[in-house]
C-alpha cells in the first residue's frame, strides 16, 4: 500500500510549497505573516522541507536508549528520607535525587535501598572531601550507580561565594579526582540560567563555557592528570515545546564537539526538570499541564533522567500528595503514553533538526565570544554573565507585563475569586538576603511574582 501511494504522487519541492502558500496568502507578505522570530533570534518558518538540508542528518552523540523516572528527596530527618525513598521506588521511581545541606549517615538513609533497581543523584550544598570519600566508599561497596554532582562554579554563580575559597575548593576537587577516577563526580547546574531568565542560546553557551572551565583545569592540570568519567548536566525545561526538545539535542552536540578537543568521552549525562520560571500561585492546577508538556520535551529531547516538579512546589512544603502526582505524571507518560517506546523520536524531523543545528550554531558563537573575553569564570566575576541574563529576563518580563506572554489564570483569564494568602507554607517570591558575597549571584525569579504579590495584597 505504501509503495502504491508513494508511486502515485509526485514529490513536491520546497519552492513549490512556498509558491502555493504565497498564492493562498492573496497578496499578504510571506515573511511578515508567517515567519516569526524567537527571543533567541531564530526565524521560525511555516514549514520545513528536505530541500533545506544539504547533507544527511547526523545522529545525536550519547542519545540514551531509555530515560528514568526520577524524584527528589530532601534529607532533613534521615529515617524519614529513607522511608520516602523506599516508598517512591515501590511506586515507580527509577532514580532518586538526594539533596542535603549537611552531613548525613548513609547507612540510615540508604537502609534496604535497592541499588540494583535505582540510580542515585546527590545534590549537596556543602563541600567536604572527607564526607565525599565516605559516600564513595559506601556506594562502591553496594555496587551502586551514583552521580555526585560536584559543581564549584555553580555554587559560586548561585550564592556569590565559593564553598570555602577558590584555592581550597579546587584542591578538594583535584584530590577527589585523583582518588576516585572512575566515579561520576562533575556536574554543571544549568537550571540556574533558565530559571533566572536566560534565553535558550545563553543557557547552552553558558553551560558549555561552564563545563569548559572544569575540563581546562582538570585535563591540563599537572597535579590532576585525570579526565572526568561522565559530566552531568542539570537542565531546566521551559514552555517552548519544540525549542526545548532541540535544546537538549544541541547540548549533546556541543558537548561532544568540546570533549573531542580534550580527547575525552563525548557522551554526557542529562537530568532535566521543569522550569520554575513560568509556574504560578493562582490557578495552580495549570502547573500540572505546564509540567507535563515540559517533561515531554525533556523525554523527546533525550534526557537520561526526568525529575518532575510538583504542581505546588513553589508554595507548599514537600508533601506526599504533590510528590505522588508529579511521579504519576511521568509514569503515565512512560507506561500509558508509550514515551519509552522509541529512543530517538525527534531524529529526522525537519523542524527539530533545523532548530537543533541553529541553536547549536548560535550557542557556539556566543561560547567563542565568552572564551575571547577571558572565559566563563572571569566574565562571571566581572558581572558580565549576570548582566546578560538580567537583560534577557527583563525583556521576557516586559512581554508578560504587556500581555504578549500569557500565563493562564494569572495574566490571561484569571479567576478573581481565587484566594491563596492562607495557603502559603513557603515564601514563593524572590528573597533578599543581605549577605556579603564575592560576586553578584545569579538570581532565580518567576515571571508572575509581581502580579501575584499585588493580588495577595488585595485579598480580603
Protein backbone atom coordinates (compact mmCIF):
# COMPACT_ATOMS: atom_id res chain seq x y z
CA UNK A 1 0.00 0.00 0.00
CA UNK A 2 2.79 2.45 0.91
CA UNK A 3 4.66 1.79 -2.34
CA UNK A 4 1.48 2.27 -4.31
CA UNK A 5 0.76 5.60 -2.64
CA UNK A 6 4.30 6.91 -2.97
CA UNK A 7 4.46 5.99 -6.64
CA UNK A 8 1.12 7.62 -7.28
CA UNK A 9 2.17 11.09 -6.14
CA UNK A 10 5.00 13.28 -7.37
CA UNK A 11 7.42 14.85 -4.92
CA UNK A 12 6.74 18.49 -4.09
CA UNK A 13 9.78 20.74 -3.73
CA UNK A 14 10.19 23.45 -1.09
CA UNK A 15 9.92 26.05 -3.84
CA UNK A 16 6.56 24.66 -4.96
CA UNK A 17 5.23 24.67 -1.39
CA UNK A 18 6.25 28.29 -0.91
CA UNK A 19 4.66 29.32 -4.21
CA UNK A 20 1.38 27.69 -3.17
CA UNK A 21 1.49 29.37 0.24
CA UNK A 22 2.14 32.76 -1.32
CA UNK A 23 -0.79 32.20 -3.68
CA UNK A 24 -3.07 31.35 -0.72
CA UNK A 25 -1.93 34.47 1.16
CA UNK A 26 -3.60 36.57 -1.57
CA UNK A 27 -1.03 39.34 -1.54
CA UNK A 28 -0.08 39.31 2.15
CA UNK A 29 3.67 39.36 2.84
CA UNK A 30 5.01 35.84 3.43
CA UNK A 31 7.70 36.85 5.95
CA UNK A 32 5.55 39.30 7.93
CA UNK A 33 2.56 36.96 8.06
CA UNK A 34 4.06 33.52 8.64
CA UNK A 35 7.68 33.87 9.81
CA UNK A 36 8.20 34.73 13.47
CA UNK A 37 11.35 35.42 15.43
CA UNK A 38 12.09 33.78 18.78
CA UNK A 39 13.90 35.52 21.66
CA UNK A 40 16.99 33.57 20.56
CA UNK A 41 16.94 35.29 17.17
CA UNK A 42 15.76 32.14 15.37
CA UNK A 43 13.46 32.86 12.43
CA UNK A 44 10.81 30.14 12.50
CA UNK A 45 9.35 29.30 9.12
CA UNK A 46 5.81 27.98 8.48
CA UNK A 47 7.16 24.73 7.01
CA UNK A 48 10.42 22.79 6.76
CA UNK A 49 11.44 20.57 3.86
CA UNK A 50 14.19 18.11 3.00
CA UNK A 51 15.43 20.63 0.43
CA UNK A 52 16.57 22.79 3.38
CA UNK A 53 19.28 20.25 4.24
CA UNK A 54 22.41 19.78 2.16
CA UNK A 55 23.51 16.58 3.90
CA UNK A 56 22.01 13.66 5.80
CA UNK A 57 21.10 14.08 9.45
CA UNK A 58 23.83 13.13 11.89
CA UNK A 59 22.96 11.06 14.99
CA UNK A 60 22.98 12.90 18.31
CA UNK A 61 26.07 11.84 20.35
CA UNK A 62 25.21 9.94 23.51
CA UNK A 63 21.48 9.72 22.89
CA UNK A 64 20.19 7.36 25.62
CA UNK A 65 18.11 4.27 24.87
CA UNK A 66 15.80 4.97 27.79
CA UNK A 67 15.03 7.56 30.46
CA UNK A 68 14.50 7.24 34.19
CA UNK A 69 11.56 8.44 36.26
CA UNK A 70 13.22 10.49 38.98
CA UNK A 71 12.09 12.01 42.27
CA UNK A 72 13.84 14.49 44.53
CA UNK A 73 14.13 13.93 48.29
CA UNK A 74 15.47 16.42 50.81
CA UNK A 75 17.37 14.83 53.70
CA UNK A 76 16.22 16.53 56.87
CA UNK A 77 15.35 13.56 59.07
CA UNK A 78 17.42 10.56 57.93
CA UNK A 79 14.81 7.92 58.79
CA UNK A 80 12.02 9.86 57.09
CA UNK A 81 14.19 10.30 53.99
CA UNK A 82 14.75 6.54 53.94
CA UNK A 83 11.02 5.83 54.22
CA UNK A 84 10.19 8.27 51.41
CA UNK A 85 12.91 6.80 49.18
CA UNK A 86 11.75 3.20 49.58
CA UNK A 87 8.12 4.20 49.05
CA UNK A 88 8.99 6.20 45.92
CA UNK A 89 10.82 3.24 44.37
CA UNK A 90 7.99 0.87 45.23
CA UNK A 91 5.62 3.26 43.47
CA UNK A 92 7.61 3.52 40.26
CA UNK A 93 10.59 5.85 40.72
CA UNK A 94 13.70 4.61 38.92
CA UNK A 95 16.19 7.17 40.25
CA UNK A 96 16.30 9.50 43.24
CA UNK A 97 17.94 12.87 43.80
CA UNK A 98 19.01 13.32 47.42
CA UNK A 99 19.51 16.93 48.48
CA UNK A 100 21.22 17.86 51.75
CA UNK A 101 22.71 20.89 53.48
CA UNK A 102 24.83 18.93 55.98
CA UNK A 103 26.43 15.54 56.61
CA UNK A 104 24.17 12.53 56.99
CA UNK A 105 24.62 8.87 57.80
CA UNK A 106 24.36 6.89 54.52
CA UNK A 107 23.69 3.61 56.29
CA UNK A 108 20.47 5.09 57.67
CA UNK A 109 19.33 6.99 54.59
CA UNK A 110 20.03 4.03 52.28
CA UNK A 111 18.95 1.19 54.54
CA UNK A 112 17.39 -1.60 52.42
CA UNK A 113 17.81 0.58 49.32
CA UNK A 114 17.54 -1.46 46.08
CA UNK A 115 20.67 -0.16 44.33
CA UNK A 116 20.21 -2.67 41.52
CA UNK A 117 16.89 -1.01 40.61
CA UNK A 118 17.52 2.71 41.10
CA UNK A 119 20.28 5.22 40.42
CA UNK A 120 21.27 7.85 42.97
CA UNK A 121 21.97 11.55 42.36
CA UNK A 122 23.39 13.75 45.10
CA UNK A 123 22.85 17.47 45.44
CA UNK A 124 24.88 18.72 48.39
CA UNK A 125 25.17 22.41 49.21
CA UNK A 126 28.47 21.90 51.03
CA UNK A 127 31.91 20.59 50.04
CA UNK A 128 33.71 18.13 52.31
CA UNK A 129 36.38 15.81 50.97
CA UNK A 130 36.04 13.53 53.99
CA UNK A 131 32.29 13.18 53.51
CA UNK A 132 32.52 12.56 49.77
CA UNK A 133 35.17 9.92 50.43
CA UNK A 134 32.86 8.29 52.97
CA UNK A 135 29.98 8.29 50.48
CA UNK A 136 32.06 6.94 47.61
CA UNK A 137 33.37 4.05 49.72
CA UNK A 138 29.84 3.27 50.92
CA UNK A 139 28.31 3.29 47.44
CA UNK A 140 31.21 1.38 45.89
CA UNK A 141 30.64 -1.45 48.36
CA UNK A 142 26.99 -1.52 47.27
CA UNK A 143 27.89 -1.51 43.54
CA UNK A 144 25.58 1.49 43.16
CA UNK A 145 25.22 3.84 40.20
CA UNK A 146 25.79 7.30 41.69
CA UNK A 147 26.21 10.81 40.28
CA UNK A 148 27.89 13.04 42.88
CA UNK A 149 27.22 16.35 41.10
CA UNK A 150 30.06 18.48 42.44
CA UNK A 151 29.75 21.92 40.88
CA UNK A 152 32.07 24.55 42.35
CA UNK A 153 31.29 27.22 39.77
CA UNK A 154 27.57 26.53 40.00
CA UNK A 155 27.71 27.26 43.73
CA UNK A 156 29.63 30.47 43.07
CA UNK A 157 27.09 31.58 40.44
CA UNK A 158 24.10 30.77 42.67
CA UNK A 159 25.36 32.08 46.03
CA UNK A 160 28.05 34.56 45.03
CA UNK A 161 30.65 32.65 47.07
CA UNK A 162 32.85 29.58 46.82
CA UNK A 163 32.16 26.74 49.25
CA UNK A 164 35.40 27.63 51.08
CA UNK A 165 37.57 29.69 48.76
CA UNK A 166 38.71 29.23 45.17
CA UNK A 167 42.03 27.55 46.03
CA UNK A 168 40.65 25.15 48.62
CA UNK A 169 37.61 24.21 46.52
CA UNK A 170 39.81 23.25 43.58
CA UNK A 171 42.24 21.38 45.82
CA UNK A 172 39.36 19.27 47.15
CA UNK A 173 38.07 18.62 43.63
CA UNK A 174 41.54 17.64 42.39
CA UNK A 175 42.05 15.33 45.32
CA UNK A 176 38.73 13.56 44.74
CA UNK A 177 39.60 13.09 41.06
CA UNK A 178 42.96 11.59 41.92
CA UNK A 179 41.45 9.09 44.34
CA UNK A 180 38.25 8.16 42.52
CA UNK A 181 38.89 8.33 38.79
CA UNK A 182 36.04 6.02 37.78
CA UNK A 183 33.27 7.90 39.62
CA UNK A 184 30.76 10.36 38.16
CA UNK A 185 32.00 13.43 40.01
CA UNK A 186 31.42 16.56 37.94
CA UNK A 187 28.21 18.35 37.10
CA UNK A 188 27.02 21.63 35.61
CA UNK A 189 23.86 23.11 37.08
CA UNK A 190 22.36 24.98 34.12
CA UNK A 191 18.90 25.11 35.75
CA UNK A 192 20.03 28.38 37.33
CA UNK A 193 20.39 30.11 33.97
CA UNK A 194 16.93 29.11 32.73
CA UNK A 195 15.17 29.92 36.00
CA UNK A 196 16.86 33.32 36.10
CA UNK A 197 15.58 34.22 32.63
CA UNK A 198 18.39 33.36 30.19
CA UNK A 199 17.45 32.57 26.60
CA UNK A 200 17.97 29.06 25.28
CA UNK A 201 21.07 30.14 23.36
CA UNK A 202 22.50 31.70 26.53
CA UNK A 203 21.72 28.57 28.54
CA UNK A 204 23.58 26.40 26.04
CA UNK A 205 26.56 28.74 25.71
CA UNK A 206 26.87 29.27 29.47
CA UNK A 207 26.60 25.54 30.16
CA UNK A 208 29.33 24.87 27.60
CA UNK A 209 31.60 27.65 28.90
CA UNK A 210 30.88 26.50 32.46
CA UNK A 211 32.00 22.92 31.79
CA UNK A 212 34.97 24.17 29.76
CA UNK A 213 36.36 25.78 32.93
CA UNK A 214 36.41 22.32 34.55
CA UNK A 215 37.81 20.48 31.55
CA UNK A 216 40.52 23.07 31.05
CA UNK A 217 41.50 22.84 34.71
CA UNK A 218 41.29 19.07 35.13
CA UNK A 219 42.58 17.79 31.80
CA UNK A 220 45.54 20.15 31.70
CA UNK A 221 46.42 20.24 35.38
CA UNK A 222 49.86 18.82 36.17
CA UNK A 223 48.60 17.72 39.55
CA UNK A 224 45.43 16.03 38.39
CA UNK A 225 46.28 14.40 35.05
CA UNK A 226 42.79 12.89 35.08
CA UNK A 227 39.73 13.28 32.91
CA UNK A 228 36.13 13.09 34.09
CA UNK A 229 34.32 9.79 33.60
CA UNK A 230 30.98 11.46 32.79
CA UNK A 231 29.86 15.07 33.16
CA UNK A 232 26.28 15.53 34.32
CA UNK A 233 24.25 18.49 33.11
CA UNK A 234 21.20 19.57 35.08
CA UNK A 235 18.76 21.40 32.83
CA UNK A 236 15.51 23.26 33.47
CA UNK A 237 12.97 22.81 30.69
CA UNK A 238 10.82 25.78 29.71
CA UNK A 239 7.46 26.00 27.91
CA UNK A 240 8.69 26.44 24.31
CA UNK A 241 7.95 22.82 23.42
CA UNK A 242 9.96 22.19 20.23
CA UNK A 243 12.77 24.58 21.16
CA UNK A 244 13.30 22.71 24.44
CA UNK A 245 13.48 19.39 22.60
CA UNK A 246 16.11 20.92 20.33
CA UNK A 247 17.95 22.45 23.33
CA UNK A 248 18.82 19.07 24.82
CA UNK A 249 19.90 17.69 21.45
CA UNK A 250 22.01 20.80 20.77
CA UNK A 251 23.73 20.47 24.15
CA UNK A 252 24.79 16.91 23.36
CA UNK A 253 26.22 18.05 20.03
CA UNK A 254 28.04 20.98 21.59
CA UNK A 255 29.49 18.93 24.44
CA UNK A 256 30.69 16.23 22.04
CA UNK A 257 32.49 18.87 19.99
CA UNK A 258 34.15 20.32 23.09
CA UNK A 259 35.01 16.94 24.62
CA UNK A 260 36.67 15.79 21.39
CA UNK A 261 39.10 18.72 21.70
CA UNK A 262 40.19 17.35 25.09
CA UNK A 263 40.30 13.76 23.87
CA UNK A 264 37.72 12.55 26.40
CA UNK A 265 34.39 10.74 26.15
CA UNK A 266 31.93 12.74 24.05
CA UNK A 267 28.92 11.44 25.94
CA UNK A 268 27.36 13.49 28.73
CA UNK A 269 24.57 12.68 31.17
CA UNK A 270 21.50 14.95 31.28
CA UNK A 271 18.99 15.33 34.11
CA UNK A 272 16.00 17.50 33.23
CA UNK A 273 13.32 19.10 35.38
CA UNK A 274 10.52 21.57 34.55
CA UNK A 275 11.26 25.26 34.91
CA UNK A 276 10.14 27.22 37.97
CA UNK A 277 10.06 30.45 36.00
CA UNK A 278 6.59 30.03 34.49
CA UNK A 279 4.94 28.35 37.49
CA UNK A 280 2.16 30.24 39.29
CA UNK A 281 0.37 30.52 42.61
CA UNK A 282 -3.05 31.31 41.23
CA UNK A 283 -4.88 28.66 39.22
CA UNK A 284 -2.06 26.39 40.33
CA UNK A 285 -3.55 23.29 38.71
CA UNK A 286 -2.35 24.69 35.37
CA UNK A 287 1.13 23.88 36.68
CA UNK A 288 0.22 20.23 36.09
CA UNK A 289 -0.21 20.91 32.38
CA UNK A 290 2.94 23.04 32.19
CA UNK A 291 4.99 20.38 33.95
CA UNK A 292 3.62 17.60 31.75
CA UNK A 293 4.50 19.26 28.44
CA UNK A 294 7.91 20.28 29.78
CA UNK A 295 8.62 16.68 30.81
CA UNK A 296 7.51 15.60 27.33
CA UNK A 297 10.08 17.96 25.82
CA UNK A 298 12.74 16.53 28.11
CA UNK A 299 11.92 12.96 27.12
CA UNK A 300 11.70 13.63 23.39
CA UNK A 301 14.89 15.67 23.52
CA UNK A 302 16.79 12.73 25.00
CA UNK A 303 17.29 13.37 28.73
CA UNK A 304 18.74 10.45 30.70
CA UNK A 305 16.61 11.21 33.74
CA UNK A 306 13.49 13.35 34.17
CA UNK A 307 12.55 14.73 37.58
CA UNK A 308 9.13 16.36 37.57
CA UNK A 309 8.34 19.45 39.64
CA UNK A 310 5.28 19.06 41.90
CA UNK A 311 2.48 21.43 40.93
CA UNK A 312 2.56 23.04 44.39
CA UNK A 313 6.34 23.11 44.86
CA UNK A 314 6.63 26.90 44.90
CA UNK A 315 4.27 27.45 47.83
CA UNK A 316 3.88 24.12 49.70
CA UNK A 317 6.43 22.15 51.66
CA UNK A 318 7.26 18.76 50.20
CA UNK A 319 4.21 16.56 50.69
CA UNK A 320 3.14 13.03 49.78
CA UNK A 321 0.26 14.11 47.53
CA UNK A 322 2.25 16.58 45.43
CA UNK A 323 5.16 14.16 45.02
CA UNK A 324 2.83 11.28 44.11
CA UNK A 325 1.05 13.33 41.45
CA UNK A 326 4.34 14.52 39.92
CA UNK A 327 5.67 10.96 39.84
CA UNK A 328 2.42 9.64 38.36
CA UNK A 329 2.63 12.18 35.54
CA UNK A 330 5.91 10.53 34.49
CA UNK A 331 4.51 7.04 34.98
CA UNK A 332 1.62 7.86 32.65
CA UNK A 333 3.99 9.28 30.03
CA UNK A 334 6.18 6.21 30.20
CA UNK A 335 3.76 3.33 30.59
CA UNK A 336 0.46 4.60 29.19
CA UNK A 337 1.55 7.14 26.57
CA UNK A 338 4.46 4.97 25.37
CA UNK A 339 7.08 7.69 25.68
CA UNK A 340 9.61 4.93 26.23
CA UNK A 341 8.78 3.03 23.02
CA UNK A 342 11.31 4.89 20.82
CA UNK A 343 14.68 6.17 22.00
CA UNK A 344 15.14 8.83 19.32
CA UNK A 345 11.69 10.08 18.21
CA UNK A 346 12.94 13.55 17.21
CA UNK A 347 15.55 12.26 14.77
CA UNK A 348 14.85 13.16 11.17
CA UNK A 349 12.11 15.70 11.85
CA UNK A 350 12.97 18.65 9.63
CA UNK A 351 11.80 21.36 12.06
CA UNK A 352 13.55 19.96 15.14
CA UNK A 353 16.71 19.07 13.21
CA UNK A 354 16.83 22.64 11.89
CA UNK A 355 16.24 24.11 15.36
CA UNK A 356 18.93 21.85 16.85
CA UNK A 357 21.54 22.99 14.35
CA UNK A 358 20.63 26.68 14.57
CA UNK A 359 20.59 26.77 18.37
CA UNK A 360 23.90 24.91 18.47
CA UNK A 361 25.50 27.30 15.99
CA UNK A 362 24.31 30.41 17.83
CA UNK A 363 25.40 28.97 21.19
CA UNK A 364 28.82 28.03 19.80
CA UNK A 365 29.28 31.58 18.54
CA UNK A 366 28.41 33.00 21.97
CA UNK A 367 30.70 30.44 23.63
CA UNK A 368 33.60 31.61 21.47
CA UNK A 369 32.88 35.23 22.46
CA UNK A 370 32.97 34.23 26.14
CA UNK A 371 36.30 32.47 25.66
CA UNK A 372 37.71 35.51 23.86
CA UNK A 373 36.58 37.59 26.83
CA UNK A 374 38.65 35.50 29.24
CA UNK A 375 36.32 32.59 29.89
CA UNK A 376 33.17 31.95 31.87
CA UNK A 377 34.65 32.34 35.34
CA UNK A 378 36.24 35.68 34.53
CA UNK A 379 33.03 37.04 32.98
CA UNK A 380 31.10 35.78 35.98
CA UNK A 381 33.46 37.63 38.34
CA UNK A 382 33.16 40.79 36.22
CA UNK A 383 29.36 40.58 36.29
CA UNK A 384 29.00 40.23 32.52
CA UNK A 385 27.08 36.94 32.66
CA UNK A 386 24.73 38.30 35.34
CA UNK A 387 24.09 41.43 33.27
CA UNK A 388 23.29 39.49 30.09
CA UNK A 389 20.86 37.16 31.90
CA UNK A 390 19.18 40.12 33.60
CA UNK A 391 18.68 41.85 30.25
CA UNK A 392 17.05 38.73 28.79
CA UNK A 393 14.88 38.29 31.88
CA UNK A 394 13.70 41.92 31.70
CA UNK A 395 12.70 41.50 28.04
CA UNK A 396 10.69 38.41 28.92
CA UNK A 397 9.15 40.20 31.89
CA UNK A 398 8.09 43.05 29.62
CA UNK A 399 6.34 40.61 27.30
CA UNK A 400 4.43 39.22 30.29
CA UNK A 401 3.56 42.66 31.62
CA UNK A 402 2.28 43.68 28.17
CA UNK A 403 0.18 40.54 27.91
CA UNK A 404 2.10 39.18 24.93
CA UNK A 405 3.44 36.32 27.03
CA UNK A 406 0.40 34.64 28.58
CA UNK A 407 0.15 32.56 31.73
CA UNK A 408 -3.31 31.06 32.05
CA UNK A 409 -5.01 32.01 35.30
CA UNK A 410 -2.52 34.78 36.04
CA UNK A 411 -2.47 37.43 33.31
CA UNK A 412 -4.80 35.53 30.97
CA UNK A 413 -8.34 34.54 32.05
CA UNK A 414 -7.59 34.99 35.79
CA UNK A 415 -10.12 33.70 38.31
CA UNK A 416 -10.76 36.75 40.50
CA UNK A 417 -12.28 34.56 43.21
CA UNK A 418 -9.01 32.67 43.71
CA UNK A 419 -7.56 33.10 47.22
CA UNK A 420 -4.03 31.98 48.13
CA UNK A 421 -2.92 34.10 51.09
CA UNK A 422 -3.71 31.44 53.69
CA UNK A 423 -2.36 28.52 51.67
CA UNK A 424 1.29 29.59 51.57
CA UNK A 425 3.60 27.28 53.50
CA UNK A 426 6.69 28.60 51.71
CA UNK A 427 7.62 32.14 50.73
CA UNK A 428 7.16 31.96 46.95
CA UNK A 429 8.93 35.17 45.97
CA UNK A 430 12.46 36.42 45.49
CA UNK A 431 14.22 36.60 48.85
CA UNK A 432 16.57 39.47 49.64
CA UNK A 433 19.33 38.21 51.94
CA UNK A 434 21.91 40.89 52.79
CA UNK A 435 24.92 38.55 52.75
CA UNK A 436 28.42 39.58 51.80
CA UNK A 437 29.44 37.91 48.54
CA UNK A 438 32.49 37.84 46.28
CA UNK A 439 30.39 38.37 43.16
CA UNK A 440 26.78 39.27 42.40
CA UNK A 441 24.85 35.97 42.40
CA UNK A 442 22.59 34.94 39.53
CA UNK A 443 19.08 35.18 40.93
CA UNK A 444 16.15 32.95 40.03
CA UNK A 445 12.83 34.73 39.69
CA UNK A 446 9.41 33.65 38.46
CA UNK A 447 7.70 35.79 35.80
CA UNK A 448 4.43 36.14 37.72
CA UNK A 449 5.85 37.29 41.06
CA UNK A 450 4.93 40.99 40.93
CA UNK A 451 1.41 40.28 39.69
CA UNK A 452 0.92 37.64 42.40
CA UNK A 453 2.18 39.93 45.16
CA UNK A 454 -0.29 42.61 44.08
CA UNK A 455 -3.15 40.12 44.14
CA UNK A 456 -2.16 38.78 47.54
CA UNK A 457 -2.13 42.31 48.98
CA UNK A 458 -5.67 42.86 47.66
CA UNK A 459 -7.09 39.67 49.16
CA UNK A 460 -9.58 40.19 51.98
